[in-house]
Amino acid sequence: MLIKIYYVTDNDLIYNRIRALEQKTRRSKLTQWNKESYLNFLKFLTRVLKYEHDKNSKKWEKVRTDFQTIRPILEREWLLSIL
């Protein structure tokens, strides 16, 4: 939820929060499916932040096509609304 707030408010701290959550997720004792879901969400959000300034580029299209194929991922609907 905090990540979504940072994204919507365009807060610069989002990059630090993403890295912190990645580290916390890797170290936590979650099931493999849950870990993959969280890490995929953070990975795609990082890619969105990196390429959203140029939505006509081939890299942005690659992010969109990769998003359709990856499973599992959290907050799929919210990420889809961004794409």
Protein backbone atom coordinates (compact mmCIF):
# COMPACT_ATOMS: atom_id res chain seq x y z
CA MET A 1 0.00 0.00 0.00
CA LEU A 2 2.82 2.40 0.84
CA ILE A 3 4.39 1.77 -2.56
CA LYS A 4 1.13 2.71 -4.27
CA ILE A 5 0.94 5.94 -2.27
CA TYR A 6 4.52 6.83 -3.19
CA TYR A 7 3.79 6.12 -6.85
CA VAL A 8 0.62 8.20 -6.98
CA THR A 9 2.21 11.14 -5.16
CA ASP A 10 5.37 10.85 -7.31
CA ASN A 11 7.55 10.68 -4.21
CA ASP A 12 11.29 10.23 -4.75
CA LEU A 13 11.48 7.81 -1.81
CA ILE A 14 9.76 5.11 -3.84
CA TYR A 15 13.08 3.73 -5.10
CA ASN A 16 14.43 3.33 -1.59
CA ARG A 17 11.18 1.75 -0.41
CA ILE A 18 11.22 -0.74 -3.30
CA ARG A 19 14.78 -1.82 -2.50
CA ALA A 20 13.94 -2.18 1.18
CA LEU A 21 10.88 -4.28 0.43
CA GLU A 22 12.85 -6.49 -1.96
CA GLN A 23 15.40 -7.18 0.74
CA LYS A 24 12.73 -7.81 3.36
CA THR A 25 10.87 -10.18 1.05
CA ARG A 26 13.99 -12.19 0.23
CA ARG A 27 14.86 -12.58 3.91
CA SER A 28 11.36 -13.37 5.15
CA LYS A 29 10.01 -16.85 5.69
CA LEU A 30 7.20 -16.78 3.16
CA THR A 31 6.07 -19.53 0.85
CA GLN A 32 7.81 -19.59 -2.49
CA TRP A 33 4.65 -18.50 -4.31
CA ASN A 34 4.19 -15.46 -2.05
CA LYS A 35 7.84 -14.46 -2.42
CA GLU A 36 7.58 -14.67 -6.20
CA SER A 37 4.38 -12.62 -6.18
CA TYR A 38 5.89 -9.81 -4.14
CA LEU A 39 9.18 -9.79 -6.02
CA ASN A 40 7.46 -9.81 -9.42
CA PHE A 41 5.33 -6.85 -8.35
CA LEU A 42 8.38 -4.89 -7.23
CA LYS A 43 10.34 -5.84 -10.36
CA PHE A 44 7.59 -4.69 -12.69
CA LEU A 45 6.99 -1.49 -10.79
CA THR A 46 10.70 -0.70 -11.07
CA ARG A 47 10.56 -1.28 -14.81
CA VAL A 48 7.45 0.89 -15.11
CA LEU A 49 9.15 3.71 -13.26
CA LYS A 50 12.21 3.39 -15.46
CA TYR A 51 10.44 3.43 -18.83
CA GLU A 52 7.15 5.27 -18.29
CA HIS A 53 8.60 8.61 -19.40
CA ASP A 54 8.89 7.24 -22.94
CA LYS A 55 5.74 5.24 -23.61
CA ASN A 56 6.46 4.99 -27.33
CA SER A 57 9.70 3.08 -26.94
CA LYS A 58 10.24 -0.60 -27.65
CA LYS A 59 11.32 -1.19 -24.07
CA TRP A 60 7.95 0.06 -22.82
CA GLU A 61 6.22 -2.34 -25.19
CA LYS A 62 8.42 -5.15 -23.87
CA VAL A 63 7.32 -4.30 -20.31
CA ARG A 64 3.70 -4.51 -21.42
CA THR A 65 4.11 -7.85 -23.17
CA ASP A 66 6.11 -9.32 -20.30
CA PHE A 67 3.44 -8.24 -17.88
CA GLN A 68 0.81 -10.28 -19.70
CA THR A 69 2.81 -13.49 -19.40
CA ILE A 70 4.23 -13.41 -15.88
CA ARG A 71 2.59 -15.32 -13.07
CA PRO A 72 2.25 -14.86 -10.08
CA ILE A 73 2.08 -11.15 -9.43
CA LEU A 74 0.33 -9.03 -6.82
CA GLU A 75 -1.89 -6.07 -7.63
CA ARG A 76 -2.26 -7.13 -11.27
CA GLU A 77 -5.24 -4.82 -11.86
CA TRP A 78 -3.46 -1.78 -10.48
CA LEU A 79 -0.33 -2.41 -12.55
CA LEU A 80 -2.48 -3.00 -15.60
CA SER A 81 -4.15 0.36 -15.09
CA ILE A 82 -0.70 1.99 -15.12
CA LEU A 83 0.26 0.22 -18.33
